[in-house]
């Protein structure tokens, strides 16, 4: 019986194909890596015979040791999973995780001239599976290294990278070093992988700038030239597959890093955010009973009932300036009464917008004033995801009244005082 890694010959009625058997979970097809390097799937119904030409040989993994170079700064890379730490094993055709500094330099040899690297595995998981306790694991690892290196890179899956960036931004006040979250939109078995450039630019930014704080480093455009250093509370993944999927909303990037010239162009002026005693403050608790509710036409009041019965606080992702279906019509008026009772009993309801660009406002229309009058908190131009993370963090570390007071206060640049008018505000997405 053939196993992944074996060199096999597949016989069908039409032809014979040789290659390396790849791991797969399909019940209907067999996948091989052909001699020309391309992967191929063959319908099992068409296969008449499979024979093993050469059994897989187990290779003893040699641990690669990289000596530190004198005079270079030290960067610690914390791995949480995602394609940034993956490498194709051409023996099996599968993608394997690589976490050691030696593996890292082997994958990205240009890094050896920029800094000395140390790596640590926090977890190996898909980012969509993350829960608040995973943020605490990351923060614990940051605390372990924050006084022993010049910067930290967190390798992270892209799907919820922006959530984690916001969580770290609120939980870690006054970090003394740069802490950058880096992901990869394309896996390392593709020629268009963005892993190398994102990691290179993050390393350059850490070693050649005076930035201190949390940020995201990802491709600035679809070209392999510059990466953007993005603010952690104003950034969103805006495309499923493009390498420049991450964009700032109602804000601008902090800086651009040119991977070829290795020059850094600051777009925002760096400000000193140090506390009077210059100490790092870490508050890493998050309340799990916070919900994020996206409203839509024909929404069932039972959904509002569910949220108010199961959560202590709700972020409503409303429409336009913060409208919610709480007005005319029996069902919509039920939603209004449900929210009113919830707030009166001690629940918190905050309003953001599905529009993303622009801000919510409680006083423009009567319907908005009705929500404000029953105690809904309007969150200015905060992103819904950021508001969700912020409220969970506030309730994890402060009492309810203090959390309500701080929710629409600007703590980590999650709220801009005013949004400058741009003729084409979507120009950055082209």
Protein backbone atom coordinates (compact mmCIF):
# COMPACT_ATOMS: atom_id res chain seq x y z
CA UNK A 1 0.00 0.00 0.00
CA UNK A 2 1.43 3.36 -1.04
CA UNK A 3 1.87 6.11 1.56
CA UNK A 4 2.52 9.85 1.07
CA UNK A 5 6.12 10.36 0.03
CA UNK A 6 6.37 7.13 -1.99
CA UNK A 7 7.29 7.39 -5.66
CA UNK A 8 4.45 5.63 -7.46
CA UNK A 9 3.18 4.72 -10.91
CA UNK A 10 -0.51 5.14 -11.61
CA UNK A 11 -2.05 3.19 -14.46
CA UNK A 12 -5.32 4.27 -16.07
CA UNK A 13 -7.03 3.08 -19.24
CA UNK A 14 -5.54 6.04 -21.14
CA UNK A 15 -2.00 6.42 -19.71
CA UNK A 16 0.61 5.80 -17.04
CA UNK A 17 1.75 8.60 -14.72
CA UNK A 18 4.69 8.66 -12.31
CA UNK A 19 5.19 10.96 -9.35
CA UNK A 20 5.32 11.34 -5.59
CA UNK A 21 2.14 10.50 -3.71
CA UNK A 22 0.90 13.58 -1.85
CA UNK A 23 -1.16 13.67 1.34
CA UNK A 24 -4.83 14.53 0.72
CA UNK A 25 -8.25 14.11 2.32
CA UNK A 26 -10.19 13.43 -0.88
CA UNK A 27 -12.16 10.19 -1.17
CA UNK A 28 -12.53 10.50 -4.93
CA UNK A 29 -9.05 11.45 -6.18
CA UNK A 30 -5.36 10.61 -5.77
CA UNK A 31 -2.88 13.50 -5.87
CA UNK A 32 0.73 13.26 -7.00
CA UNK A 33 3.59 15.65 -7.60
CA UNK A 34 4.75 14.90 -11.13
CA UNK A 35 8.38 14.84 -12.25
CA UNK A 36 7.95 18.32 -13.76
CA UNK A 37 7.02 19.71 -10.33
CA UNK A 38 3.31 20.24 -10.99
CA UNK A 39 0.62 18.71 -8.79
CA UNK A 40 -1.99 16.51 -10.44
CA UNK A 41 -5.20 14.86 -9.30
CA UNK A 42 -6.42 11.59 -10.81
CA UNK A 43 -9.99 10.34 -10.47
CA UNK A 44 -9.92 7.07 -8.49
CA UNK A 45 -12.59 5.59 -10.80
CA UNK A 46 -10.15 5.81 -13.72
CA UNK A 47 -7.26 4.13 -11.90
CA UNK A 48 -6.67 0.45 -12.67
CA UNK A 49 -3.41 -0.02 -10.75
CA UNK A 50 -1.06 1.79 -8.36
CA UNK A 51 2.44 0.42 -7.83
CA UNK A 52 5.22 1.69 -5.58
CA UNK A 53 8.42 2.42 -7.48
CA UNK A 54 10.39 3.65 -4.49
CA UNK A 55 9.36 3.77 -0.85
CA UNK A 56 9.63 7.02 1.03
CA UNK A 57 12.94 7.35 2.84
CA UNK A 58 12.84 8.86 6.27
CA UNK A 59 15.39 11.65 6.56
CA UNK A 60 16.81 12.63 9.90
CA UNK A 61 16.20 16.32 10.36
CA UNK A 62 19.42 18.20 10.99
CA UNK A 63 18.97 21.13 13.30
CA UNK A 64 20.34 24.20 11.57
CA UNK A 65 22.39 26.45 13.83
CA UNK A 66 22.90 30.08 12.87
CA UNK A 67 25.53 32.06 14.75
CA UNK A 68 24.72 35.62 15.76
CA UNK A 69 26.55 38.37 13.91
CA UNK A 70 28.28 41.01 15.99
CA UNK A 71 26.78 44.48 15.74
CA UNK A 72 23.34 43.42 14.51
CA UNK A 73 20.15 44.00 16.49
CA UNK A 74 18.17 41.07 17.84
CA UNK A 75 14.65 40.26 16.68
CA UNK A 76 12.45 37.61 18.29
CA UNK A 77 9.86 35.98 16.04
CA UNK A 78 6.84 34.52 17.81
CA UNK A 79 4.97 31.99 15.68
CA UNK A 80 1.22 31.54 16.10
CA UNK A 81 0.59 29.73 12.81
CA UNK A 82 -0.32 30.80 9.30
CA UNK A 83 1.50 30.49 6.00
CA UNK A 84 4.31 32.85 7.06
CA UNK A 85 6.01 29.91 8.81
CA UNK A 86 5.26 27.26 6.19
CA UNK A 87 7.53 25.53 3.72
CA UNK A 88 6.85 23.01 0.98
CA UNK A 89 8.32 19.54 1.50
CA UNK A 90 8.99 18.41 -2.04
CA UNK A 91 9.50 14.84 -0.83
CA UNK A 92 5.82 14.59 0.04
CA UNK A 93 4.36 17.59 -1.75
CA UNK A 94 2.92 18.77 1.56
CA UNK A 95 3.36 22.05 3.42
CA UNK A 96 5.18 21.76 6.73
CA UNK A 97 5.68 24.26 9.52
CA UNK A 98 9.18 25.57 10.15
CA UNK A 99 9.88 27.50 13.31
CA UNK A 100 13.61 27.53 14.18
CA UNK A 101 15.89 30.47 13.41
CA UNK A 102 17.93 28.18 11.16
CA UNK A 103 14.84 27.20 9.18
CA UNK A 104 13.87 30.85 8.92
CA UNK A 105 17.24 31.89 7.46
CA UNK A 106 17.16 28.93 5.09
CA UNK A 107 13.76 30.07 3.80
CA UNK A 108 14.66 33.77 3.73
CA UNK A 109 18.48 34.05 3.47
CA UNK A 110 18.42 37.84 2.98
CA UNK A 111 17.44 38.24 6.66
CA UNK A 112 20.90 37.17 7.85
CA UNK A 113 22.36 40.59 6.98
CA UNK A 114 19.64 42.57 8.75
CA UNK A 115 19.43 41.17 12.27
CA UNK A 116 20.08 38.24 14.57
CA UNK A 117 16.97 36.14 15.05
CA UNK A 118 15.52 34.02 17.80
CA UNK A 119 12.25 32.16 17.37
CA UNK A 120 9.62 30.77 19.72
CA UNK A 121 6.47 28.76 19.04
CA UNK A 122 3.42 30.20 20.81
CA UNK A 123 0.89 28.04 18.96
CA UNK A 124 0.27 26.52 15.56
CA UNK A 125 -3.32 27.24 14.61
CA UNK A 126 -5.59 28.78 12.03
CA UNK A 127 -6.26 32.39 13.00
CA UNK A 128 -10.03 31.98 12.59
CA UNK A 129 -9.91 29.54 15.53
CA UNK A 130 -8.39 32.07 17.93
CA UNK A 131 -10.09 32.95 21.19
CA UNK A 132 -9.27 35.60 23.78
CA UNK A 133 -7.09 33.21 25.79
CA UNK A 134 -4.83 32.93 22.73
CA UNK A 135 -4.22 36.68 22.96
CA UNK A 136 -3.11 36.14 26.53
CA UNK A 137 -0.63 33.46 25.39
CA UNK A 138 0.86 35.88 22.85
CA UNK A 139 1.06 38.64 25.46
CA UNK A 140 2.76 36.25 27.91
CA UNK A 141 5.40 35.48 25.28
CA UNK A 142 5.88 39.19 24.56
CA UNK A 143 6.46 39.80 28.29
CA UNK A 144 9.07 37.05 28.26
CA UNK A 145 11.17 38.73 25.56
CA UNK A 146 10.34 42.43 25.69
CA UNK A 147 13.44 43.41 27.70
CA UNK A 148 15.77 41.02 25.90
CA UNK A 149 15.54 42.07 22.25
CA UNK A 150 15.24 45.09 19.97
CA UNK A 151 11.94 44.10 18.43
CA UNK A 152 9.34 41.36 18.11
CA UNK A 153 7.65 39.98 15.01
CA UNK A 154 4.49 37.94 15.46
CA UNK A 155 3.83 35.51 12.61
CA UNK A 156 0.04 35.30 12.29
CA UNK A 157 -2.66 33.99 9.96
CA UNK A 158 -4.19 36.87 8.02
CA UNK A 159 -7.91 36.25 8.57
CA UNK A 160 -8.05 37.61 12.13
CA UNK A 161 -4.67 39.34 12.24
CA UNK A 162 -6.32 42.77 12.61
CA UNK A 163 -8.34 41.58 15.63
CA UNK A 164 -5.14 40.42 17.34
CA UNK A 165 -3.38 43.67 16.49
CA UNK A 166 -6.17 45.65 18.15
CA UNK A 167 -6.16 43.34 21.18
CA UNK A 168 -2.40 43.74 21.69
CA UNK A 169 -2.67 47.48 21.20
CA UNK A 170 -5.17 47.84 24.04
CA UNK A 171 -3.56 45.24 26.32
CA UNK A 172 0.01 46.57 26.08
CA UNK A 173 0.41 50.25 26.92
CA UNK A 174 3.72 52.01 26.32
CA UNK A 175 5.71 49.14 24.76
CA UNK A 176 9.41 49.95 24.78
CA UNK A 177 10.15 48.21 21.45
CA UNK A 178 8.45 47.71 18.07
CA UNK A 179 6.04 44.75 17.96
CA UNK A 180 4.91 43.96 14.41
CA UNK A 181 2.28 41.47 13.29
CA UNK A 182 3.20 39.91 9.95
CA UNK A 183 1.20 37.51 7.78
CA UNK A 184 1.30 36.05 4.31
CA UNK A 185 -1.58 36.00 1.84
CA UNK A 186 0.07 33.50 -0.49
CA UNK A 187 1.56 30.18 0.61
CA UNK A 188 5.26 29.53 0.16
CA UNK A 189 4.74 26.98 -2.62
CA UNK A 190 3.63 29.80 -4.92
CA UNK A 191 5.99 32.07 -6.81
CA UNK A 192 3.79 35.01 -5.82
CA UNK A 193 4.21 34.39 -2.08
CA UNK A 194 4.44 37.61 -0.08
CA UNK A 195 5.99 35.99 3.00
CA UNK A 196 9.61 36.94 2.25
CA UNK A 197 8.97 40.61 1.52
CA UNK A 198 6.64 41.10 4.48
CA UNK A 199 9.18 39.57 6.85
CA UNK A 200 12.08 41.47 5.28
CA UNK A 201 10.30 44.83 5.52
CA UNK A 202 9.23 44.19 9.12
CA UNK A 203 12.84 43.40 10.04
CA UNK A 204 14.11 46.52 8.26
CA UNK A 205 11.55 48.69 10.03
CA UNK A 206 12.49 47.31 13.44
CA UNK A 207 16.24 47.71 12.94
CA UNK A 208 16.28 51.06 11.10
CA UNK A 209 13.58 53.17 12.75
CA UNK A 210 12.86 54.60 16.19
CA UNK A 211 9.28 53.32 16.21
CA UNK A 212 7.96 51.87 19.46
CA UNK A 213 4.56 50.26 19.61
CA UNK A 214 2.22 47.78 17.95
CA UNK A 215 1.76 47.76 14.16
CA UNK A 216 1.01 45.53 11.17
CA UNK A 217 3.42 44.97 8.27
CA UNK A 218 1.95 43.77 4.95
CA UNK A 219 2.27 44.48 1.21
CA UNK A 220 1.36 48.05 0.25
CA UNK A 221 0.39 47.11 -3.32
CA UNK A 222 0.29 43.98 -5.45
CA UNK A 223 3.87 44.73 -6.54
CA UNK A 224 6.93 43.35 -4.78
CA UNK A 225 8.36 46.72 -3.83
CA UNK A 226 7.00 48.29 -0.65
CA UNK A 227 5.28 47.16 2.53
CA UNK A 228 3.05 49.37 4.63
CA UNK A 229 3.39 49.72 8.38
CA UNK A 230 -0.25 49.95 9.43
CA UNK A 231 -1.91 51.23 12.63
CA UNK A 232 -3.26 48.32 14.71
CA UNK A 233 -6.68 49.75 15.53
CA UNK A 234 -7.52 51.32 12.16
CA UNK A 235 -6.65 48.47 9.78
CA UNK A 236 -8.87 45.87 8.14
CA UNK A 237 -8.42 42.92 5.81
CA UNK A 238 -10.27 44.13 2.70
CA UNK A 239 -9.65 41.37 0.17
CA UNK A 240 -9.71 37.58 0.38
CA UNK A 241 -6.56 36.90 -1.63
CA UNK A 242 -4.71 40.02 -2.81
CA UNK A 243 -1.30 40.54 -1.26
CA UNK A 244 -2.22 44.15 -0.41
CA UNK A 245 -5.43 43.05 1.32
CA UNK A 246 -4.80 45.09 4.48
CA UNK A 247 -5.85 48.75 4.33
CA UNK A 248 -6.22 51.55 6.83
CA UNK A 249 -9.74 52.91 7.29
CA UNK A 250 -10.28 56.60 8.17
CA UNK A 251 -6.53 56.92 8.66
CA UNK A 252 -3.22 56.49 6.84
CA UNK A 253 -0.30 54.04 7.11
CA UNK A 254 2.42 54.86 9.62
CA UNK A 255 5.22 54.33 7.10
CA UNK A 256 6.26 52.62 3.87
CA UNK A 257 9.29 50.34 3.70
CA UNK A 258 11.01 49.80 0.34
CA UNK A 259 12.33 46.25 0.23
CA UNK A 260 14.76 47.02 -2.60
CA UNK A 261 16.32 50.32 -1.54
CA UNK A 262 15.70 49.41 2.13
CA UNK A 263 14.56 53.00 2.78
CA UNK A 264 11.78 53.95 5.18
CA UNK A 265 9.32 56.74 4.39
CA UNK A 266 7.28 57.92 7.37
CA UNK A 267 3.77 59.11 6.56
CA UNK A 268 2.83 59.82 10.16
CA UNK A 269 4.99 61.77 12.57
CA UNK A 270 6.15 59.62 15.48
CA UNK A 271 4.90 60.82 18.85
CA UNK A 272 6.25 59.92 22.26
CA UNK A 273 3.47 58.09 24.09
CA UNK A 274 5.52 57.18 27.14
CA UNK A 275 3.85 57.29 30.53
CA UNK A 276 5.47 59.52 33.19
CA UNK A 277 7.33 56.61 34.79
CA UNK A 278 8.10 55.12 31.34
CA UNK A 279 6.92 51.67 32.41
CA UNK A 280 5.11 49.15 30.28
CA UNK A 281 1.55 48.61 31.49
CA UNK A 282 -0.08 45.29 30.63
CA UNK A 283 -3.76 44.60 31.17
CA UNK A 284 -4.53 41.38 29.36
CA UNK A 285 -8.00 40.35 30.49
CA UNK A 286 -10.90 40.18 28.02
CA UNK A 287 -14.60 39.74 28.79
CA UNK A 288 -15.95 36.87 26.69
CA UNK A 289 -19.61 37.88 26.97
CA UNK A 290 -19.43 40.60 24.32
CA UNK A 291 -21.25 40.17 21.00
CA UNK A 292 -20.94 41.75 17.55
CA UNK A 293 -24.33 42.01 15.79
CA UNK A 294 -24.60 42.96 12.11
CA UNK A 295 -28.02 44.36 11.31
CA UNK A 296 -29.82 43.75 8.02
CA UNK A 297 -33.28 44.11 6.47
CA UNK A 298 -35.91 41.69 7.79
CA UNK A 299 -33.87 40.92 10.90
CA UNK A 300 -35.73 38.74 13.39
CA UNK A 301 -36.27 40.16 16.91
CA UNK A 302 -35.26 36.74 18.22
CA UNK A 303 -31.71 37.60 17.20
CA UNK A 304 -31.81 40.72 19.40
CA UNK A 305 -33.33 38.61 22.17
CA UNK A 306 -30.54 36.04 21.85
CA UNK A 307 -27.79 38.67 22.08
CA UNK A 308 -29.34 40.48 25.04
CA UNK A 309 -29.90 37.24 26.95
CA UNK A 310 -26.42 35.79 26.34
CA UNK A 311 -24.09 38.81 26.42
CA UNK A 312 -23.23 41.58 28.84
CA UNK A 313 -22.53 44.01 26.01
CA UNK A 314 -23.28 44.30 22.29
CA UNK A 315 -21.55 46.11 19.45
CA UNK A 316 -24.17 46.80 16.77
CA UNK A 317 -22.84 47.11 13.25
CA UNK A 318 -25.59 49.38 11.97
CA UNK A 319 -26.20 51.04 8.64
CA UNK A 320 -25.21 54.52 7.50
CA UNK A 321 -24.70 56.91 10.40
CA UNK A 322 -25.52 54.13 12.87
CA UNK A 323 -29.11 53.26 12.10
CA UNK A 324 -30.59 50.03 13.40
CA UNK A 325 -33.96 48.39 12.54
CA UNK A 326 -35.73 49.75 15.61
CA UNK A 327 -38.40 52.02 14.14
CA UNK A 328 -41.69 51.50 12.26
CA UNK A 329 -43.24 48.06 11.99
CA UNK A 330 -44.07 45.62 14.77
CA UNK A 331 -40.86 43.60 14.56
CA UNK A 332 -38.59 46.62 14.41
CA UNK A 333 -40.27 48.27 17.38
CA UNK A 334 -39.75 45.01 19.26
CA UNK A 335 -36.01 45.36 18.61
CA UNK A 336 -36.11 48.85 20.09
CA UNK A 337 -37.92 47.66 23.22
CA UNK A 338 -35.50 44.73 23.61
CA UNK A 339 -32.48 47.07 23.52
CA UNK A 340 -34.18 49.53 25.87
CA UNK A 341 -34.82 46.79 28.47
CA UNK A 342 -31.29 45.43 28.07
CA UNK A 343 -29.66 48.81 28.72
CA UNK A 344 -32.00 49.55 31.63
CA UNK A 345 -31.00 46.24 33.23
CA UNK A 346 -27.30 47.11 32.99
CA UNK A 347 -26.33 45.94 29.51
CA UNK A 348 -24.12 47.98 27.21
CA UNK A 349 -25.03 48.70 23.57
CA UNK A 350 -22.58 50.47 21.28
CA UNK A 351 -23.15 51.59 17.70
CA UNK A 352 -20.74 51.37 14.73
CA UNK A 353 -21.34 51.41 10.96
CA UNK A 354 -21.16 48.84 8.19
CA UNK A 355 -20.02 51.66 5.90
CA UNK A 356 -16.57 51.55 7.58
CA UNK A 357 -15.52 54.91 6.11
CA UNK A 358 -16.91 57.96 7.90
CA UNK A 359 -18.41 58.00 11.39
CA UNK A 360 -21.63 57.37 13.24
CA UNK A 361 -23.54 60.26 14.80
CA UNK A 362 -26.37 60.26 17.36
CA UNK A 363 -28.00 63.58 16.43
CA UNK A 364 -28.48 63.76 12.65
CA UNK A 365 -31.78 61.89 12.42
CA UNK A 366 -34.64 61.31 14.87
CA UNK A 367 -34.13 57.55 14.72
CA UNK A 368 -30.53 57.96 15.81
CA UNK A 369 -31.54 60.25 18.68
CA UNK A 370 -34.02 57.61 19.86
CA UNK A 371 -31.15 55.10 20.18
CA UNK A 372 -28.99 57.67 21.95
CA UNK A 373 -31.81 58.55 24.34
CA UNK A 374 -32.08 54.97 25.64
CA UNK A 375 -28.32 54.86 26.29
CA UNK A 376 -26.70 53.49 23.13
CA UNK A 377 -23.09 54.66 22.83
CA UNK A 378 -22.04 55.90 19.38
CA UNK A 379 -18.43 54.93 18.59
CA UNK A 380 -17.38 57.77 16.26
CA UNK A 381 -15.31 56.31 13.36
CA UNK A 382 -14.18 53.17 15.15
CA UNK A 383 -14.14 49.98 13.10
CA UNK A 384 -16.75 47.43 14.28
CA UNK A 385 -14.04 44.81 14.93
CA UNK A 386 -11.93 47.28 16.90
CA UNK A 387 -14.96 48.37 18.94
CA UNK A 388 -15.72 44.70 19.69
CA UNK A 389 -12.16 44.03 20.90
CA UNK A 390 -11.98 47.32 22.82
CA UNK A 391 -15.24 46.73 24.69
CA UNK A 392 -14.21 43.16 25.58
CA UNK A 393 -10.89 44.53 26.88
CA UNK A 394 -12.50 47.38 28.82
CA UNK A 395 -14.95 45.06 30.58
CA UNK A 396 -12.12 42.64 31.33
CA UNK A 397 -10.07 45.30 33.12
CA UNK A 398 -12.48 47.99 34.39
CA UNK A 399 -15.86 48.16 36.06
CA UNK A 400 -18.92 48.65 33.87
CA UNK A 401 -19.29 52.40 34.39
CA UNK A 402 -15.63 53.06 33.62
CA UNK A 403 -15.87 50.86 30.53
CA UNK A 404 -18.84 52.88 29.26
CA UNK A 405 -16.97 56.11 29.92
CA UNK A 406 -13.87 54.98 28.01
CA UNK A 407 -15.57 53.25 25.09
CA UNK A 408 -15.84 56.28 22.83
CA UNK A 409 -12.68 57.94 24.18
CA UNK A 410 -9.56 57.74 22.04
CA UNK A 411 -7.10 55.44 23.86
CA UNK A 412 -4.95 53.87 21.11
CA UNK A 413 -5.68 56.05 18.07
CA UNK A 414 -8.76 53.94 17.36
CA UNK A 415 -10.76 57.16 16.93
CA UNK A 416 -9.71 60.05 14.72
CA UNK A 417 -10.77 63.54 15.70
CA UNK A 418 -11.80 64.35 12.15
CA UNK A 419 -11.54 62.59 8.80
CA UNK A 420 -10.02 64.78 6.04
CA UNK A 421 -12.07 64.95 2.86
CA UNK A 422 -10.65 62.95 -0.05
CA UNK A 423 -12.02 63.34 -3.58
CA UNK A 424 -11.77 59.58 -4.07
CA UNK A 425 -11.59 57.91 -0.69
CA UNK A 426 -11.35 54.46 -2.32
CA UNK A 427 -8.26 55.41 -4.34
CA UNK A 428 -6.07 53.48 -1.90
CA UNK A 429 -7.79 50.23 -2.94
CA UNK A 430 -6.85 50.50 -6.62
